[in-house]
Protein backbone atom coordinates (compact mmCIF):
# COMPACT_ATOMS: atom_id res chain seq x y z
CA UNK A 1 122.91 149.37 78.15
CA UNK A 2 122.56 145.60 77.92
CA UNK A 3 126.16 145.15 79.05
CA UNK A 4 125.61 147.28 82.11
CA UNK A 5 122.41 145.43 83.02
CA UNK A 6 124.10 142.09 82.59
CA UNK A 7 127.00 143.11 84.74
CA UNK A 8 124.77 144.58 87.42
CA UNK A 9 122.50 141.55 87.76
CA UNK A 10 125.02 139.22 89.41
CA UNK A 11 125.93 141.93 91.92
CA UNK A 12 122.31 142.39 92.95
CA UNK A 13 121.92 138.61 93.22
CA UNK A 14 124.99 138.39 95.43
CA UNK A 15 123.74 141.17 97.69
CA UNK A 16 120.36 139.50 98.08
CA UNK A 17 121.82 136.09 98.78
CA UNK A 18 124.34 137.27 101.38
CA UNK A 19 121.77 137.66 104.23
CA UNK A 20 120.34 134.30 103.28
CA UNK A 21 123.74 132.67 103.56
CA UNK A 22 124.41 134.37 106.88
CA UNK A 23 121.07 133.42 108.40
CA UNK A 24 121.36 129.95 106.89
CA UNK A 25 124.19 129.24 109.32
CA UNK A 26 122.07 130.08 112.33
CA UNK A 27 119.75 127.02 112.33
CA UNK A 28 122.68 124.75 111.47
CA UNK A 29 124.67 126.16 114.37
CA UNK A 30 121.74 125.68 116.76
CA UNK A 31 121.25 122.10 115.59
CA UNK A 32 124.93 121.22 116.00
CA UNK A 33 125.02 122.84 119.44
CA UNK A 34 122.01 120.76 120.44
CA UNK A 35 123.64 117.60 119.08
CA UNK A 36 126.89 118.40 120.85
CA UNK A 37 125.11 119.03 124.14
CA UNK A 38 123.33 115.67 123.93
CA UNK A 39 126.57 113.86 123.10
CA UNK A 40 128.27 115.44 126.09
CA UNK A 41 125.39 114.42 128.37
CA UNK A 42 125.52 110.87 126.99
CA UNK A 43 129.27 110.66 127.53
CA UNK A 44 128.98 111.96 131.11
CA UNK A 45 126.20 109.45 131.83
CA UNK A 46 128.16 106.47 130.51
CA UNK A 47 131.36 107.54 132.26
CA UNK A 48 129.53 108.11 135.54
CA UNK A 49 128.04 104.62 135.30
CA UNK A 50 131.52 103.12 135.87
CA UNK A 51 132.57 105.54 138.61
CA UNK A 52 132.22 105.58 142.35
CA UNK A 53 130.08 108.27 143.95
CA UNK A 54 133.25 109.99 145.17
CA UNK A 55 134.68 110.17 141.64
CA UNK A 56 131.39 111.51 140.27
CA UNK A 57 131.46 114.51 142.59
CA UNK A 58 135.24 114.99 142.50
CA UNK A 59 135.64 114.93 138.69
CA UNK A 60 132.29 114.88 136.86
CA UNK A 61 133.96 115.32 133.46
CA UNK A 62 137.09 113.28 134.14
CA UNK A 63 137.92 109.63 133.77
CA UNK A 64 137.30 107.37 136.77
CA UNK A 65 140.20 106.52 139.05
CA UNK A 66 138.86 102.95 139.22
CA UNK A 67 136.55 101.51 136.58
CA UNK A 68 133.54 100.13 138.46
CA UNK A 69 132.16 97.79 135.76
CA UNK A 70 130.33 95.94 138.50
CA UNK A 71 127.79 98.79 138.68
CA UNK A 72 126.11 97.46 135.55
CA UNK A 73 125.85 93.87 136.76
CA UNK A 74 124.67 94.99 140.20
CA UNK A 75 121.99 97.24 138.73
CA UNK A 76 120.87 94.45 136.41
CA UNK A 77 120.70 91.67 138.99
CA UNK A 78 119.74 93.43 142.22
CA UNK A 79 117.33 96.12 141.03
CA UNK A 80 114.78 94.20 138.98
CA UNK A 81 116.13 95.43 135.66
CA UNK A 82 115.98 91.97 134.12
CA UNK A 83 112.22 91.72 134.75
CA UNK A 84 111.72 95.37 133.78
CA UNK A 85 113.61 94.96 130.51
CA UNK A 86 111.57 91.88 129.58
CA UNK A 87 108.29 93.62 130.42
CA UNK A 88 109.31 96.73 128.48
CA UNK A 89 110.29 94.59 125.49
CA UNK A 90 106.90 92.85 125.52
CA UNK A 91 104.80 95.96 126.12
CA UNK A 92 106.69 98.39 123.90
CA UNK A 93 107.19 95.88 121.09
CA UNK A 94 103.52 94.87 121.08
CA UNK A 95 102.29 98.47 121.26
CA UNK A 96 104.63 99.62 118.47
CA UNK A 97 103.52 96.80 116.18
CA UNK A 98 99.87 97.49 117.00
CA UNK A 99 100.34 101.19 116.21
CA UNK A 100 101.76 100.41 112.76
CA UNK A 101 99.09 97.79 112.03
CA UNK A 102 96.24 100.17 112.95
CA UNK A 103 97.71 103.42 111.63
CA UNK A 104 98.57 102.10 108.15
CA UNK A 105 95.00 101.28 107.00
CA UNK A 106 93.66 104.38 108.78
CA UNK A 107 96.12 106.62 106.94
CA UNK A 108 95.31 104.85 103.67
CA UNK A 109 91.58 105.41 104.14
CA UNK A 110 92.01 109.07 105.06
CA UNK A 111 94.40 109.89 102.23
CA UNK A 112 93.30 107.75 99.26
CA UNK A 113 89.77 106.50 99.75
CA UNK A 114 86.71 108.71 99.45
CA UNK A 115 85.87 108.63 103.11
CA UNK A 116 83.23 111.04 104.35
CA UNK A 117 84.60 113.61 106.78
CA UNK A 118 88.16 112.57 105.89
CA UNK A 119 89.54 116.09 106.42
CA UNK A 120 87.75 116.45 109.74
CA UNK A 121 89.06 113.08 110.91
CA UNK A 122 92.58 114.00 109.86
CA UNK A 123 92.29 117.24 111.81
CA UNK A 124 91.08 115.28 114.84
CA UNK A 125 94.17 113.07 114.68
CA UNK A 126 96.40 116.15 114.47
CA UNK A 127 94.66 117.67 117.49
CA UNK A 128 95.17 114.39 119.32
CA UNK A 129 98.93 114.89 119.11
CA UNK A 130 98.65 117.96 121.32
CA UNK A 131 96.63 116.33 124.11
CA UNK A 132 98.90 115.86 127.16
CA UNK A 133 98.77 112.26 128.45
CA UNK A 134 98.25 113.30 132.08
CA UNK A 135 94.87 114.84 131.15
CA UNK A 136 93.42 111.49 130.08
CA UNK A 137 95.07 109.32 132.73
CA UNK A 138 92.31 109.62 135.37
CA UNK A 139 89.39 108.83 133.00
CA UNK A 140 91.35 105.93 131.53
CA UNK A 141 92.24 104.61 134.97
CA UNK A 142 88.59 104.61 136.02
CA UNK A 143 87.51 102.88 132.82
CA UNK A 144 90.28 100.30 132.90
CA UNK A 145 89.66 99.53 136.57
CA UNK A 146 86.06 98.64 135.68
CA UNK A 147 87.33 96.41 132.87
CA UNK A 148 89.90 94.70 135.09
CA UNK A 149 92.85 95.92 133.02
CA UNK A 150 94.75 97.69 135.80
CA UNK A 151 98.14 96.16 136.65
CA UNK A 152 98.25 94.12 133.47
CA UNK A 153 100.49 94.19 130.43
CA UNK A 154 97.46 94.08 128.13
CA UNK A 155 96.01 97.24 129.65
CA UNK A 156 99.32 99.06 129.32
CA UNK A 157 99.66 97.94 125.69
CA UNK A 158 96.18 99.28 124.90
CA UNK A 159 96.92 102.66 126.51
CA UNK A 160 100.30 102.96 124.80
CA UNK A 161 98.73 102.12 121.45
CA UNK A 162 96.00 104.72 121.88
CA UNK A 163 98.28 107.59 122.86
CA UNK A 164 100.71 106.82 120.01
CA UNK A 165 98.16 106.53 117.20
CA UNK A 166 97.55 110.25 116.43
CA UNK A 167 101.15 110.97 115.44
CA UNK A 168 101.47 107.68 113.55
CA UNK A 169 98.32 108.33 111.50
CA UNK A 170 99.39 111.92 110.85
CA UNK A 171 102.84 110.88 109.60
CA UNK A 172 101.67 107.94 107.50
CA UNK A 173 98.89 110.01 105.89
CA UNK A 174 101.58 112.15 104.24
CA UNK A 175 103.33 109.06 102.90
CA UNK A 176 100.12 107.52 101.57
CA UNK A 177 98.99 110.75 99.91
CA UNK A 178 102.29 111.04 97.99
CA UNK A 179 101.98 107.68 96.22
CA UNK A 180 101.30 108.39 92.51
CA UNK A 181 97.68 107.93 91.48
CA UNK A 182 98.78 106.06 88.36
CA UNK A 183 100.00 103.15 90.48
CA UNK A 184 96.68 102.94 92.28
CA UNK A 185 94.75 103.16 88.99
CA UNK A 186 96.87 100.41 87.47
CA UNK A 187 96.16 98.19 90.46
CA UNK A 188 92.41 98.82 90.17
CA UNK A 189 92.52 97.95 86.46
CA UNK A 190 94.12 94.63 87.40
CA UNK A 191 91.13 93.94 89.64
CA UNK A 192 92.75 94.71 93.00
CA UNK A 193 90.38 95.89 95.71
CA UNK A 194 91.20 98.39 98.45
CA UNK A 195 92.71 95.78 100.78
CA UNK A 196 94.82 94.21 98.04
CA UNK A 197 95.96 97.67 96.89
CA UNK A 198 96.97 98.57 100.43
CA UNK A 199 98.87 95.33 101.05
CA UNK A 200 100.50 94.89 97.64
CA UNK A 201 101.09 98.49 96.56
CA UNK A 202 101.03 100.99 99.40
CA UNK A 203 102.69 99.11 102.24
CA UNK A 204 105.81 98.16 100.21
CA UNK A 205 105.97 101.70 98.80
CA UNK A 206 105.86 103.42 102.21
CA UNK A 207 107.93 100.83 104.10
CA UNK A 208 110.40 103.53 105.22
CA UNK A 209 107.51 105.44 106.74
CA UNK A 210 106.25 102.32 108.52
CA UNK A 211 109.69 101.64 109.94
CA UNK A 212 110.05 105.28 111.00
CA UNK A 213 106.74 105.16 112.86
CA UNK A 214 107.74 101.91 114.56
CA UNK A 215 111.10 103.24 115.76
CA UNK A 216 109.78 106.61 116.94
CA UNK A 217 106.95 104.90 118.80
CA UNK A 218 109.29 102.36 120.38
CA UNK A 219 111.78 105.00 121.55
CA UNK A 220 109.09 107.24 123.05
CA UNK A 221 107.34 104.37 124.86
CA UNK A 222 110.57 102.78 126.08
CA UNK A 223 111.31 105.90 128.13
CA UNK A 224 107.73 106.44 129.33
CA UNK A 225 107.12 106.42 133.09
CA UNK A 226 103.99 108.42 133.97
CA UNK A 227 101.41 106.10 132.38
CA UNK A 228 103.20 102.95 133.57
CA UNK A 229 103.37 104.34 137.10
CA UNK A 230 99.60 104.87 137.05
CA UNK A 231 98.51 101.58 135.50
CA UNK A 232 101.12 99.17 136.94
CA UNK A 233 101.15 98.31 140.63
CA UNK A 234 103.10 95.08 141.17
CA UNK A 235 106.83 94.59 140.72
CA UNK A 236 106.24 91.65 138.40
CA UNK A 237 104.75 94.01 135.79
CA UNK A 238 107.24 96.86 136.24
CA UNK A 239 108.68 98.33 133.07
CA UNK A 240 112.30 99.42 132.82
CA UNK A 241 111.41 103.01 133.70
CA UNK A 242 109.64 101.90 136.88
CA UNK A 243 112.59 99.67 137.78
CA UNK A 244 114.84 102.72 137.50
CA UNK A 245 112.52 104.67 139.80
CA UNK A 246 112.58 101.79 142.26
CA UNK A 247 116.39 101.82 142.17
CA UNK A 248 116.40 105.57 142.83
CA UNK A 249 114.17 105.13 145.86
CA UNK A 250 116.31 102.26 147.15
CA UNK A 251 119.62 104.13 147.00
CA UNK A 252 118.08 107.13 148.73
CA UNK A 253 117.37 105.00 151.80
CA UNK A 254 120.35 102.65 151.71
CA UNK A 255 122.99 105.20 150.75
CA UNK A 256 123.62 107.38 147.72
CA UNK A 257 125.35 105.17 145.16
CA UNK A 258 125.13 107.41 142.11
CA UNK A 259 127.38 105.17 140.06
CA UNK A 260 124.77 102.42 140.39
CA UNK A 261 122.04 104.88 139.44
CA UNK A 262 123.90 106.02 136.33
CA UNK A 263 124.42 102.37 135.41
CA UNK A 264 120.65 101.92 135.56
CA UNK A 265 120.20 104.95 133.29
CA UNK A 266 122.76 103.44 130.91
CA UNK A 267 120.89 100.14 130.82
CA UNK A 268 117.78 102.06 129.85
CA UNK A 269 119.54 104.15 127.18
CA UNK A 270 121.71 101.59 125.43
CA UNK A 271 118.99 99.41 123.77
CA UNK A 272 117.25 102.35 122.07
CA UNK A 273 120.59 103.93 121.20
CA UNK A 274 121.72 100.75 119.46
CA UNK A 275 118.35 100.44 117.70
CA UNK A 276 118.64 103.96 116.34
CA UNK A 277 122.27 103.48 115.28
CA UNK A 278 121.43 100.30 113.39
CA UNK A 279 118.34 101.75 111.68
CA UNK A 280 119.25 105.44 111.51
CA UNK A 281 119.37 105.46 107.71
CA UNK A 282 115.77 104.33 107.46
CA UNK A 283 114.64 106.81 110.10
CA UNK A 284 116.37 109.75 108.42
CA UNK A 285 115.05 108.79 104.99
CA UNK A 286 111.57 108.27 106.37
CA UNK A 287 111.44 111.59 108.21
CA UNK A 288 112.91 113.46 105.23
CA UNK A 289 110.44 111.94 102.80
CA UNK A 290 107.59 112.50 105.24
CA UNK A 291 108.42 116.20 105.58
CA UNK A 292 108.84 116.56 101.83
CA UNK A 293 105.55 114.89 101.17
């Protein structure tokens, strides 16, 4: 009897695991298809940026007959991309740093300190992730116009910081909550207060999470257009996304030069693409640990 049971057990295990193995391929296949689609779109965009308009329509997936490298320099010098890139660097960099600086102590307080209504506040931050930005644009515009912050980099930095905080606090709360209590207790026995514990213990421990929040915030804000279009009015304060919109409007009136337009898109994509490639290990580790925690 025991021999028959022992022999039958592996067969039942194999039968139960077969559907799991089959369905396990489905999400992987979907993910790889999504990755492949994005790589194809990126390749088409970069190839089109060095083509003429005629080549783009004649052979969208083929190599250009003549490599128009001048599209990039023309888009950079004649379309305000230099000013837009500098403004985006200032605004996005400042907002991303501000998000990390504000979200880190907030997540620490919500996850480790005995804060009253901590669960309710955490829920409020989670709900804030689902609020569409266009719903709050009009109230913010009215308020900022009264404060004199319309058409200023400072106003845009404040808005960007506010809309990015809910996700940052939500993500960092998981990192902070996963730090072993023994480390915190040892720090308190050494006489460290809450601020010293946060700076000396928690921030170095969750540095991957901090870097992940910074990169995700920077990438999302770098490509943002709707809020910048509402709060920025002069060309001197245009971000890179607004410069691209200005280029699109210009080529519609002066003649459709889609190679120049794709070059502008490439200028907007390349900085964040390089940032992610250089720091992808930290982002992947941070997101994986954040999900696990």
